[in-house]
Amino acid sequence: PTFADDAAAVLRAAGVTEERPAFVFGISLGGMIAQELVLRHPARVRSLVLGRTLCGGEHATMPEPGILEALVDVVASMSTGDPAGWVDRQLPLLFTPEWIAANPAIR
């Protein structure tokens, strides 16, 4: 909660008000902080976008170990210099086949 309160203080200092709330984007740990920010200070946040983050907490659902291992393998393969292959291996681990087919621009 301290990080979320710090973020709210930064927003206040930047002139964010309840009348003019902020668009907030959080990635990784910043995404977890952004989620706590909107829970603790909802009037300061107009919209929230999260990237590569978790909800955490005692009720969080973690991916199956096989998915985590596959993601680690994909990240390790980044050094091969084949970005398209890296994307092709990563997408099925993060999205359903239907979503990938409906969003071809993601690649």
PDB file of N, CA and C in Angstrom:
ATOM      1  N   PRO A   1       0.806  -1.216   0.000  1.00  0.00           N
ATOM      2  CA  PRO A   1       0.000   0.000   0.000  1.00  0.00           C
ATOM      3  C   PRO A   1       0.841   1.270   0.000  1.00  0.00           C
ATOM      4  N   THR A   2       2.039   1.226   0.553  1.00  0.00           N
ATOM      5  CA  THR A   2       2.862   2.430   0.607  1.00  0.00           C
ATOM      6  C   THR A   2       3.172   2.952  -0.792  1.00  0.00           C
ATOM      7  N   PHE A   3       3.511   2.064  -1.730  1.00  0.00           N
ATOM      8  CA  PHE A   3       3.797   2.501  -3.092  1.00  0.00           C
ATOM      9  C   PHE A   3       2.574   3.147  -3.727  1.00  0.00           C
ATOM     10  N   ALA A   4       1.402   2.582  -3.476  1.00  0.00           N
ATOM     11  CA  ALA A   4       0.171   3.139  -4.035  1.00  0.00           C
ATOM     12  C   ALA A   4      -0.098   4.520  -3.458  1.00  0.00           C
ATOM     13  N   ASP A   5       0.135   4.688  -2.175  1.00  0.00           N
ATOM     14  CA  ASP A   5      -0.044   6.005  -1.561  1.00  0.00           C
ATOM     15  C   ASP A   5       0.985   6.994  -2.096  1.00  0.00           C
ATOM     16  N   ASP A   6       2.205   6.520  -2.330  1.00  0.00           N
ATOM     17  CA  ASP A   6       3.229   7.377  -2.936  1.00  0.00           C
ATOM     18  C   ASP A   6       2.803   7.803  -4.339  1.00  0.00           C
ATOM     19  N   ALA A   7       2.262   6.864  -5.102  1.00  0.00           N
ATOM     20  CA  ALA A   7       1.797   7.186  -6.454  1.00  0.00           C
ATOM     21  C   ALA A   7       0.667   8.209  -6.405  1.00  0.00           C
ATOM     22  N   ALA A   8      -0.231   8.070  -5.437  1.00  0.00           N
ATOM     23  CA  ALA A   8      -1.324   9.038  -5.287  1.00  0.00           C
ATOM     24  C   ALA A   8      -0.767  10.419  -4.953  1.00  0.00           C
ATOM     25  N   ALA A   9       0.271  10.466  -4.142  1.00  0.00           N
ATOM     26  CA  ALA A   9       0.894  11.752  -3.801  1.00  0.00           C
ATOM     27  C   ALA A   9       1.528  12.389  -5.038  1.00  0.00           C
ATOM     28  N   VAL A  10       2.149  11.567  -5.881  1.00  0.00           N
ATOM     29  CA  VAL A  10       2.734  12.078  -7.119  1.00  0.00           C
ATOM     30  C   VAL A  10       1.633  12.627  -8.032  1.00  0.00           C
ATOM     31  N   LEU A  11       0.526  11.910  -8.130  1.00  0.00           N
ATOM     32  CA  LEU A  11      -0.590  12.383  -8.947  1.00  0.00           C
ATOM     33  C   LEU A  11      -1.127  13.718  -8.423  1.00  0.00           C
ATOM     34  N   ARG A  12      -1.268  13.817  -7.098  1.00  0.00           N
ATOM     35  CA  ARG A  12      -1.735  15.083  -6.512  1.00  0.00           C
ATOM     36  C   ARG A  12      -0.771  16.214  -6.850  1.00  0.00           C
ATOM     37  N   ALA A  13       0.521  15.949  -6.714  1.00  0.00           N
ATOM     38  CA  ALA A  13       1.536  16.972  -7.003  1.00  0.00           C
ATOM     39  C   ALA A  13       1.524  17.377  -8.475  1.00  0.00           C
ATOM     40  N   ALA A  14       1.115  16.446  -9.336  1.00  0.00           N
ATOM     41  CA  ALA A  14       1.055  16.732 -10.773  1.00  0.00           C
ATOM     42  C   ALA A  14      -0.259  17.410 -11.165  1.00  0.00           C
ATOM     43  N   GLY A  15      -1.116  17.646 -10.191  1.00  0.00           N
ATOM     44  CA  GLY A  15      -2.353  18.352 -10.470  1.00  0.00           C
ATOM     45  C   GLY A  15      -3.542  17.461 -10.798  1.00  0.00           C
ATOM     46  N   VAL A  16      -3.409  16.170 -10.573  1.00  0.00           N
ATOM     47  CA  VAL A  16      -4.521  15.260 -10.811  1.00  0.00           C
ATOM     48  C   VAL A  16      -5.535  15.443  -9.686  1.00  0.00           C
ATOM     49  N   THR A  17      -6.782  15.656 -10.072  1.00  0.00           N
ATOM     50  CA  THR A  17      -7.848  15.869  -9.091  1.00  0.00           C
ATOM     51  C   THR A  17      -8.972  14.880  -9.343  1.00  0.00           C
ATOM     52  N   GLU A  18      -9.946  14.868  -8.459  1.00  0.00           N
ATOM     53  CA  GLU A  18     -11.111  14.013  -8.663  1.00  0.00           C
ATOM     54  C   GLU A  18     -11.900  14.480  -9.881  1.00  0.00           C
ATOM     55  N   GLU A  19     -11.842  15.765 -10.177  1.00  0.00           N
ATOM     56  CA  GLU A  19     -12.526  16.294 -11.357  1.00  0.00           C
ATOM     57  C   GLU A  19     -11.767  15.973 -12.640  1.00  0.00           C
ATOM     58  N   ARG A  20     -10.461  15.803 -12.528  1.00  0.00           N
ATOM     59  CA  ARG A  20      -9.605  15.483 -13.685  1.00  0.00           C
ATOM     60  C   ARG A  20      -8.712  14.304 -13.329  1.00  0.00           C
ATOM     61  N   PRO A  21      -9.288  13.092 -13.244  1.00  0.00           N
ATOM     62  CA  PRO A  21      -8.497  11.923 -12.855  1.00  0.00           C
ATOM     63  C   PRO A  21      -7.526  11.496 -13.951  1.00  0.00           C
ATOM     64  N   ALA A  22      -6.595  10.665 -13.572  1.00  0.00           N
ATOM     65  CA  ALA A  22      -5.507  10.261 -14.457  1.00  0.00           C
ATOM     66  C   ALA A  22      -5.814   8.977 -15.223  1.00  0.00           C
ATOM     67  N   PHE A  23      -5.207   8.872 -16.397  1.00  0.00           N
ATOM     68  CA  PHE A  23      -5.134   7.614 -17.125  1.00  0.00           C
ATOM     69  C   PHE A  23      -3.870   6.943 -16.605  1.00  0.00           C
ATOM     70  N   VAL A  24      -3.985   5.747 -16.060  1.00  0.00           N
ATOM     71  CA  VAL A  24      -2.853   5.082 -15.407  1.00  0.00           C
ATOM     72  C   VAL A  24      -2.490   3.821 -16.170  1.00  0.00           C
ATOM     73  N   PHE A  25      -1.202   3.651 -16.446  1.00  0.00           N
ATOM     74  CA  PHE A  25      -0.672   2.437 -17.064  1.00  0.00           C
ATOM     75  C   PHE A  25       0.371   1.858 -16.128  1.00  0.00           C
ATOM     76  N   GLY A  26       0.258   0.567 -15.833  1.00  0.00           N
ATOM     77  CA  GLY A  26       1.238  -0.094 -14.974  1.00  0.00           C
ATOM     78  C   GLY A  26       1.744  -1.361 -15.616  1.00  0.00           C
ATOM     79  N   ILE A  27       3.057  -1.549 -15.578  1.00  0.00           N
ATOM     80  CA  ILE A  27       3.664  -2.747 -16.132  1.00  0.00           C
ATOM     81  C   ILE A  27       4.498  -3.421 -15.045  1.00  0.00           C
ATOM     82  N   SER A  28       4.416  -4.735 -14.975  1.00  0.00           N
ATOM     83  CA  SER A  28       5.150  -5.534 -14.006  1.00  0.00           C
ATOM     84  C   SER A  28       4.790  -5.091 -12.583  1.00  0.00           C
ATOM     85  N   LEU A  29       5.787  -4.773 -11.763  1.00  0.00           N
ATOM     86  CA  LEU A  29       5.509  -4.315 -10.399  1.00  0.00           C
ATOM     87  C   LEU A  29       4.659  -3.051 -10.420  1.00  0.00           C
ATOM     88  N   GLY A  30       4.872  -2.191 -11.404  1.00  0.00           N
ATOM     89  CA  GLY A  30       4.064  -0.988 -11.534  1.00  0.00           C
ATOM     90  C   GLY A  30       2.596  -1.314 -11.741  1.00  0.00           C
ATOM     91  N   GLY A  31       2.301  -2.441 -12.389  1.00  0.00           N
ATOM     92  CA  GLY A  31       0.928  -2.874 -12.565  1.00  0.00           C
ATOM     93  C   GLY A  31       0.293  -3.274 -11.242  1.00  0.00           C
ATOM     94  N   MET A  32       1.065  -3.917 -10.393  1.00  0.00           N
ATOM     95  CA  MET A  32       0.545  -4.285  -9.076  1.00  0.00           C
ATOM     96  C   MET A  32       0.292  -3.033  -8.237  1.00  0.00           C
ATOM     97  N   ILE A  33       1.198  -2.078  -8.340  1.00  0.00           N
ATOM     98  CA  ILE A  33       1.027  -0.810  -7.619  1.00  0.00           C
ATOM     99  C   ILE A  33      -0.186  -0.060  -8.167  1.00  0.00           C
ATOM    100  N   ALA A  34      -0.345  -0.058  -9.486  1.00  0.00           N
ATOM    101  CA  ALA A  34      -1.480   0.639 -10.103  1.00  0.00           C
ATOM    102  C   ALA A  34      -2.805   0.027  -9.654  1.00  0.00           C
ATOM    103  N   GLN A  35      -2.848  -1.299  -9.526  1.00  0.00           N
ATOM    104  CA  GLN A  35      -4.075  -1.939  -9.049  1.00  0.00           C
ATOM    105  C   GLN A  35      -4.394  -1.510  -7.621  1.00  0.00           C
ATOM    106  N   GLU A  36      -3.381  -1.443  -6.801  1.00  0.00           N
ATOM    107  CA  GLU A  36      -3.594  -1.000  -5.421  1.00  0.00           C
ATOM    108  C   GLU A  36      -3.966   0.479  -5.392  1.00  0.00           C
ATOM    109  N   LEU A  37      -3.373   1.265  -6.289  1.00  0.00           N
ATOM    110  CA  LEU A  37      -3.711   2.687  -6.389  1.00  0.00           C
ATOM    111  C   LEU A  37      -5.200   2.872  -6.656  1.00  0.00           C
ATOM    112  N   VAL A  38      -5.731   2.135  -7.629  1.00  0.00           N
ATOM    113  CA  VAL A  38      -7.142   2.310  -7.970  1.00  0.00           C
ATOM    114  C   VAL A  38      -8.052   1.791  -6.852  1.00  0.00           C
ATOM    115  N   LEU A  39      -7.595   0.819  -6.092  1.00  0.00           N
ATOM    116  CA  LEU A  39      -8.392   0.342  -4.958  1.00  0.00           C
ATOM    117  C   LEU A  39      -8.391   1.345  -3.804  1.00  0.00           C
ATOM    118  N   ARG A  40      -7.232   1.969  -3.568  1.00  0.00           N
ATOM    119  CA  ARG A  40      -7.093   2.877  -2.424  1.00  0.00           C
ATOM    120  C   ARG A  40      -7.498   4.314  -2.759  1.00  0.00           C
ATOM    121  N   HIS A  41      -7.375   4.704  -4.020  1.00  0.00           N
ATOM    122  CA  HIS A  41      -7.641   6.086  -4.433  1.00  0.00           C
ATOM    123  C   HIS A  41      -8.436   6.093  -5.743  1.00  0.00           C
ATOM    124  N   PRO A  42      -9.607   5.487  -5.767  1.00  0.00           N
ATOM    125  CA  PRO A  42     -10.343   5.327  -7.030  1.00  0.00           C
ATOM    126  C   PRO A  42     -10.712   6.632  -7.719  1.00  0.00           C
ATOM    127  N   ALA A  43     -10.918   7.686  -6.983  1.00  0.00           N
ATOM    128  CA  ALA A  43     -11.316   8.955  -7.598  1.00  0.00           C
ATOM    129  C   ALA A  43     -10.180   9.598  -8.381  1.00  0.00           C
ATOM    130  N   ARG A  44      -8.949   9.168  -8.173  1.00  0.00           N
ATOM    131  CA  ARG A  44      -7.796   9.737  -8.879  1.00  0.00           C
ATOM    132  C   ARG A  44      -7.536   9.055 -10.222  1.00  0.00           C
ATOM    133  N   VAL A  45      -8.214   7.926 -10.478  1.00  0.00           N
ATOM    134  CA  VAL A  45      -7.920   7.125 -11.668  1.00  0.00           C
ATOM    135  C   VAL A  45      -9.146   7.092 -12.583  1.00  0.00           C
ATOM    136  N   ARG A  46      -8.957   7.597 -13.798  1.00  0.00           N
ATOM    137  CA  ARG A  46     -10.041   7.567 -14.790  1.00  0.00           C
ATOM    138  C   ARG A  46     -10.094   6.217 -15.483  1.00  0.00           C
ATOM    139  N   SER A  47      -8.926   5.702 -15.852  1.00  0.00           N
ATOM    140  CA  SER A  47      -8.862   4.383 -16.482  1.00  0.00           C
ATOM    141  C   SER A  47      -7.546   3.726 -16.083  1.00  0.00           C
ATOM    142  N   LEU A  48      -7.528   2.405 -16.201  1.00  0.00           N
ATOM    143  CA  LEU A  48      -6.361   1.628 -15.790  1.00  0.00           C
ATOM    144  C   LEU A  48      -6.030   0.630 -16.887  1.00  0.00           C
ATOM    145  N   VAL A  49      -4.773   0.627 -17.321  1.00  0.00           N
ATOM    146  CA  VAL A  49      -4.286  -0.335 -18.297  1.00  0.00           C
ATOM    147  C   VAL A  49      -3.130  -1.075 -17.649  1.00  0.00           C
ATOM    148  N   LEU A  50      -3.158  -2.404 -17.739  1.00  0.00           N
ATOM    149  CA  LEU A  50      -2.137  -3.235 -17.114  1.00  0.00           C
ATOM    150  C   LEU A  50      -1.390  -4.028 -18.163  1.00  0.00           C
ATOM    151  N   GLY A  51      -0.099  -4.170 -17.965  1.00  0.00           N
ATOM    152  CA  GLY A  51       0.716  -4.961 -18.872  1.00  0.00           C
ATOM    153  C   GLY A  51       1.679  -5.843 -18.101  1.00  0.00           C
ATOM    154  N   ARG A  52       1.697  -7.110 -18.454  1.00  0.00           N
ATOM    155  CA  ARG A  52       2.649  -8.054 -17.872  1.00  0.00           C
ATOM    156  C   ARG A  52       2.726  -7.943 -16.354  1.00  0.00           C
ATOM    157  N   THR A  53       1.602  -8.099 -15.723  1.00  0.00           N
ATOM    158  CA  THR A  53       1.549  -7.963 -14.277  1.00  0.00           C
ATOM    159  C   THR A  53       0.677  -9.053 -13.688  1.00  0.00           C
ATOM    160  N   LEU A  54       0.627  -9.100 -12.405  1.00  0.00           N
ATOM    161  CA  LEU A  54      -0.198 -10.056 -11.669  1.00  0.00           C
ATOM    162  C   LEU A  54      -1.090  -9.300 -10.715  1.00  0.00           C
ATOM    163  N   CYS A  55      -2.130  -9.982 -10.256  1.00  0.00           N
ATOM    164  CA  CYS A  55      -2.951  -9.349  -9.226  1.00  0.00           C
ATOM    165  C   CYS A  55      -2.395  -9.656  -7.843  1.00  0.00           C
ATOM    166  N   GLY A  56      -1.626 -10.717  -7.716  1.00  0.00           N
ATOM    167  CA  GLY A  56      -1.005 -11.046  -6.438  1.00  0.00           C
ATOM    168  C   GLY A  56      -2.016 -11.344  -5.356  1.00  0.00           C
ATOM    169  N   GLY A  57      -1.547 -11.287  -4.134  1.00  0.00           N
ATOM    170  CA  GLY A  57      -2.423 -11.512  -3.000  1.00  0.00           C
ATOM    171  C   GLY A  57      -2.646 -12.977  -2.713  1.00  0.00           C
ATOM    172  N   GLU A  58      -3.254 -13.224  -1.583  1.00  0.00           N
ATOM    173  CA  GLU A  58      -3.441 -14.605  -1.138  1.00  0.00           C
ATOM    174  C   GLU A  58      -4.445 -15.383  -1.978  1.00  0.00           C
ATOM    175  N   HIS A  59      -5.279 -14.699  -2.744  1.00  0.00           N
ATOM    176  CA  HIS A  59      -6.285 -15.375  -3.569  1.00  0.00           C
ATOM    177  C   HIS A  59      -5.899 -15.399  -5.048  1.00  0.00           C
ATOM    178  N   ALA A  60      -4.668 -15.034  -5.357  1.00  0.00           N
ATOM    179  CA  ALA A  60      -4.228 -14.994  -6.756  1.00  0.00           C
ATOM    180  C   ALA A  60      -4.157 -16.413  -7.329  1.00  0.00           C
ATOM    181  N   THR A  61      -4.415 -16.519  -8.618  1.00  0.00           N
ATOM    182  CA  THR A  61      -4.292 -17.794  -9.321  1.00  0.00           C
ATOM    183  C   THR A  61      -3.036 -17.722 -10.174  1.00  0.00           C
ATOM    184  N   MET A  62      -2.092 -18.570  -9.881  1.00  0.00           N
ATOM    185  CA  MET A  62      -0.839 -18.593 -10.631  1.00  0.00           C
ATOM    186  C   MET A  62      -0.976 -19.542 -11.824  1.00  0.00           C
ATOM    187  N   PRO A  63      -0.208 -19.290 -12.887  1.00  0.00           N
ATOM    188  CA  PRO A  63      -0.247 -20.204 -14.032  1.00  0.00           C
ATOM    189  C   PRO A  63       0.295 -21.570 -13.633  1.00  0.00           C
ATOM    190  N   GLU A  64      -0.078 -22.569 -14.402  1.00  0.00           N
ATOM    191  CA  GLU A  64       0.435 -23.908 -14.158  1.00  0.00           C
ATOM    192  C   GLU A  64       1.946 -23.910 -14.360  1.00  0.00           C
ATOM    193  N   PRO A  65       2.678 -24.768 -13.618  1.00  0.00           N
ATOM    194  CA  PRO A  65       4.148 -24.789 -13.736  1.00  0.00           C
ATOM    195  C   PRO A  65       4.640 -24.979 -15.168  1.00  0.00           C
ATOM    196  N   GLY A  66       3.945 -25.787 -15.970  1.00  0.00           N
ATOM    197  CA  GLY A  66       4.371 -25.996 -17.353  1.00  0.00           C
ATOM    198  C   GLY A  66       4.343 -24.717 -18.173  1.00  0.00           C
ATOM    199  N   ILE A  67       3.371 -23.856 -17.917  1.00  0.00           N
ATOM    200  CA  ILE A  67       3.280 -22.572 -18.627  1.00  0.00           C
ATOM    201  C   ILE A  67       4.437 -21.678 -18.206  1.00  0.00           C
ATOM    202  N   LEU A  68       4.717 -21.634 -16.905  1.00  0.00           N
ATOM    203  CA  LEU A  68       5.843 -20.812 -16.438  1.00  0.00           C
ATOM    204  C   LEU A  68       7.156 -21.293 -17.045  1.00  0.00           C
ATOM    205  N   GLU A  69       7.352 -22.611 -17.101  1.00  0.00           N
ATOM    206  CA  GLU A  69       8.582 -23.155 -17.693  1.00  0.00           C
ATOM    207  C   GLU A  69       8.675 -22.789 -19.171  1.00  0.00           C
ATOM    208  N   ALA A  70       7.561 -22.875 -19.878  1.00  0.00           N
ATOM    209  CA  ALA A  70       7.555 -22.521 -21.308  1.00  0.00           C
ATOM    210  C   ALA A  70       7.868 -21.046 -21.504  1.00  0.00           C
ATOM    211  N   LEU A  71       7.327 -20.180 -20.646  1.00  0.00           N
ATOM    212  CA  LEU A  71       7.631 -18.750 -20.752  1.00  0.00           C
ATOM    213  C   LEU A  71       9.106 -18.482 -20.475  1.00  0.00           C
ATOM    214  N   VAL A  72       9.660 -19.159 -19.501  1.00  0.00           N
ATOM    215  CA  VAL A  72      11.093 -18.996 -19.212  1.00  0.00           C
ATOM    216  C   VAL A  72      11.909 -19.436 -20.418  1.00  0.00           C
ATOM    217  N   ASP A  73      11.535 -20.553 -21.050  1.00  0.00           N
ATOM    218  CA  ASP A  73      12.236 -21.016 -22.255  1.00  0.00           C
ATOM    219  C   ASP A  73      12.155 -19.996 -23.379  1.00  0.00           C
ATOM    220  N   VAL A  74      10.989 -19.381 -23.549  1.00  0.00           N
ATOM    221  CA  VAL A  74      10.808 -18.376 -24.598  1.00  0.00           C
ATOM    222  C   VAL A  74      11.720 -17.181 -24.326  1.00  0.00           C
ATOM    223  N   VAL A  75      11.751 -16.710 -23.091  1.00  0.00           N
ATOM    224  CA  VAL A  75      12.605 -15.574 -22.747  1.00  0.00           C
ATOM    225  C   VAL A  75      14.069 -15.941 -22.965  1.00  0.00           C
ATOM    226  N   ALA A  76      14.458 -17.146 -22.596  1.00  0.00           N
ATOM    227  CA  ALA A  76      15.842 -17.577 -22.795  1.00  0.00           C
ATOM    228  C   ALA A  76      16.207 -17.624 -24.271  1.00  0.00           C
ATOM    229  N   SER A  77      15.219 -17.887 -25.140  1.00  0.00           N
ATOM    230  CA  SER A  77      15.497 -17.984 -26.576  1.00  0.00           C
ATOM    231  C   SER A  77      15.634 -16.623 -27.238  1.00  0.00           C
ATOM    232  N   MET A  78      15.388 -15.551 -26.510  1.00  0.00           N
ATOM    233  CA  MET A  78      15.483 -14.213 -27.099  1.00  0.00           C
ATOM    234  C   MET A  78      16.865 -13.927 -27.646  1.00  0.00           C
ATOM    235  N   SER A  79      17.870 -14.549 -27.092  1.00  0.00           N
ATOM    236  CA  SER A  79      19.242 -14.282 -27.533  1.00  0.00           C
ATOM    237  C   SER A  79      19.557 -14.913 -28.881  1.00  0.00           C
ATOM    238  N   THR A  80      18.639 -15.688 -29.455  1.00  0.00           N
ATOM    239  CA  THR A  80      18.903 -16.344 -30.737  1.00  0.00           C
ATOM    240  C   THR A  80      18.824 -15.395 -31.916  1.00  0.00           C
ATOM    241  N   GLY A  81      18.303 -14.187 -31.713  1.00  0.00           N
ATOM    242  CA  GLY A  81      18.217 -13.219 -32.796  1.00  0.00           C
ATOM    243  C   GLY A  81      17.067 -13.470 -33.753  1.00  0.00           C
ATOM    244  N   ASP A  82      16.044 -14.206 -33.306  1.00  0.00           N
ATOM    245  CA  ASP A  82      14.883 -14.487 -34.144  1.00  0.00           C
ATOM    246  C   ASP A  82      13.635 -13.920 -33.472  1.00  0.00           C
ATOM    247  N   PRO A  83      13.430 -12.588 -33.572  1.00  0.00           N
ATOM    248  CA  PRO A  83      12.288 -11.982 -32.872  1.00  0.00           C
ATOM    249  C   PRO A  83      10.942 -12.549 -33.302  1.00  0.00           C
ATOM    250  N   ALA A  84      10.767 -12.831 -34.591  1.00  0.00           N
ATOM    251  CA  ALA A  84       9.479 -13.363 -35.052  1.00  0.00           C
ATOM    252  C   ALA A  84       9.213 -14.732 -34.436  1.00  0.00           C
ATOM    253  N   GLY A  85      10.239 -15.561 -34.372  1.00  0.00           N
ATOM    254  CA  GLY A  85      10.081 -16.874 -33.748  1.00  0.00           C
ATOM    255  C   GLY A  85       9.778 -16.759 -32.270  1.00  0.00           C
ATOM    256  N   TRP A  86      10.400 -15.791 -31.631  1.00  0.00           N
ATOM    257  CA  TRP A  86      10.158 -15.556 -30.205  1.00  0.00           C
ATOM    258  C   TRP A  86       8.698 -15.163 -29.975  1.00  0.00           C
ATOM    259  N   VAL A  87       8.172 -14.278 -30.821  1.00  0.00           N
ATOM    260  CA  VAL A  87       6.770 -13.854 -30.710  1.00  0.00           C
ATOM    261  C   VAL A  87       5.850 -15.041 -30.959  1.00  0.00           C
ATOM    262  N   ASP A  88       6.135 -15.832 -31.998  1.00  0.00           N
ATOM    263  CA  ASP A  88       5.295 -16.980 -32.327  1.00  0.00           C
ATOM    264  C   ASP A  88       5.245 -17.997 -31.189  1.00  0.00           C
ATOM    265  N   ARG A  89       6.329 -18.151 -30.467  1.00  0.00           N
ATOM    266  CA  ARG A  89       6.359 -19.090 -29.337  1.00  0.00           C
ATOM    267  C   ARG A  89       5.655 -18.514 -28.118  1.00  0.00           C
ATOM    268  N   GLN A  90       5.686 -17.204 -27.971  1.00  0.00           N
ATOM    269  CA  GLN A  90       5.129 -16.573 -26.778  1.00  0.00           C
ATOM    270  C   GLN A  90       3.605 -16.417 -26.851  1.00  0.00           C
ATOM    271  N   LEU A  91       3.082 -16.047 -27.999  1.00  0.00           N
ATOM    272  CA  LEU A  91       1.656 -15.737 -28.118  1.00  0.00           C
ATOM    273  C   LEU A  91       0.733 -16.853 -27.610  1.00  0.00           C
ATOM    274  N   PRO A  92       0.952 -18.121 -27.983  1.00  0.00           N
ATOM    275  CA  PRO A  92       0.034 -19.160 -27.503  1.00  0.00           C
ATOM    276  C   PRO A  92       0.089 -19.380 -25.989  1.00  0.00           C
ATOM    277  N   LEU A  93       1.130 -18.903 -25.359  1.00  0.00           N
ATOM    278  CA  LEU A  93       1.233 -19.033 -23.904  1.00  0.00           C
ATOM    279  C   LEU A  93       0.471 -17.926 -23.185  1.00  0.00           C
ATOM    280  N   LEU A  94       0.197 -16.847 -23.892  1.00  0.00           N
ATOM    281  CA  LEU A  94      -0.429 -15.686 -23.271  1.00  0.00           C
ATOM    282  C   LEU A  94      -1.880 -15.474 -23.696  1.00  0.00           C
ATOM    283  N   PHE A  95      -2.251 -15.978 -24.885  1.00  0.00           N
ATOM    284  CA  PHE A  95      -3.579 -15.725 -25.434  1.00  0.00           C
ATOM    285  C   PHE A  95      -4.184 -17.008 -25.984  1.00  0.00           C
ATOM    286  N   THR A  96      -5.509 -17.023 -26.078  1.00  0.00           N
ATOM    287  CA  THR A  96      -6.188 -18.179 -26.671  1.00  0.00           C
ATOM    288  C   THR A  96      -5.995 -18.166 -28.184  1.00  0.00           C
ATOM    289  N   PRO A  97      -6.111 -19.333 -28.824  1.00  0.00           N
ATOM    290  CA  PRO A  97      -6.010 -19.364 -30.299  1.00  0.00           C
ATOM    291  C   PRO A  97      -7.053 -18.473 -30.969  1.00  0.00           C
ATOM    292  N   GLU A  98      -8.243 -18.415 -30.385  1.00  0.00           N
ATOM    293  CA  GLU A  98      -9.297 -17.572 -30.956  1.00  0.00           C
ATOM    294  C   GLU A  98      -8.908 -16.100 -30.920  1.00  0.00           C
ATOM    295  N   TRP A  99      -8.322 -15.668 -29.803  1.00  0.00           N
ATOM    296  CA  TRP A  99      -7.928 -14.270 -29.673  1.00  0.00           C
ATOM    297  C   TRP A  99      -6.804 -13.938 -30.658  1.00  0.00           C
ATOM    298  N   ILE A 100      -5.856 -14.835 -30.789  1.00  0.00           N
ATOM    299  CA  ILE A 100      -4.748 -14.610 -31.726  1.00  0.00           C
ATOM    300  C   ILE A 100      -5.276 -14.504 -33.152  1.00  0.00           C
ATOM    301  N   ALA A 101      -6.206 -15.409 -33.534  1.00  0.00           N
ATOM    302  CA  ALA A 101      -6.788 -15.360 -34.881  1.00  0.00           C
ATOM    303  C   ALA A 101      -7.562 -14.085 -35.117  1.00  0.00           C
ATOM    304  N   ALA A 102      -8.241 -13.591 -34.086  1.00  0.00           N
ATOM    305  CA  ALA A 102      -9.059 -12.371 -34.233  1.00  0.00           C
ATOM    306  C   ALA A 102      -8.205 -11.098 -34.187  1.00  0.00           C
ATOM    307  N   ASN A 103      -6.952 -11.207 -33.792  1.00  0.00           N
ATOM    308  CA  ASN A 103      -6.071 -10.037 -33.637  1.00  0.00           C
ATOM    309  C   ASN A 103      -4.735 -10.273 -34.336  1.00  0.00           C
ATOM    310  N   PRO A 104      -4.728 -10.455 -35.652  1.00  0.00           N
ATOM    311  CA  PRO A 104      -3.491 -10.778 -36.359  1.00  0.00           C
ATOM    312  C   PRO A 104      -2.427  -9.677 -36.259  1.00  0.00           C
ATOM    313  N   ALA A 105      -2.838  -8.461 -36.003  1.00  0.00           N
ATOM    314  CA  ALA A 105      -1.868  -7.362 -35.908  1.00  0.00           C
ATOM    315  C   ALA A 105      -0.989  -7.479 -34.667  1.00  0.00           C
ATOM    316  N   ILE A 106      -1.345  -8.329 -33.731  1.00  0.00           N
ATOM    317  CA  ILE A 106      -0.546  -8.474 -32.520  1.00  0.00           C
ATOM    318  C   ILE A 106       0.863  -8.939 -32.857  1.00  0.00           C
ATOM    319  N   ARG A 107       0.983  -9.702 -33.905  1.00  0.00           N
ATOM    320  CA  ARG A 107       2.305 -10.209 -34.301  1.00  0.00           C
ATOM    321  C   ARG A 107       3.079  -9.098 -34.964  1.00  0.00           C
TER     322      ARG A 107
END
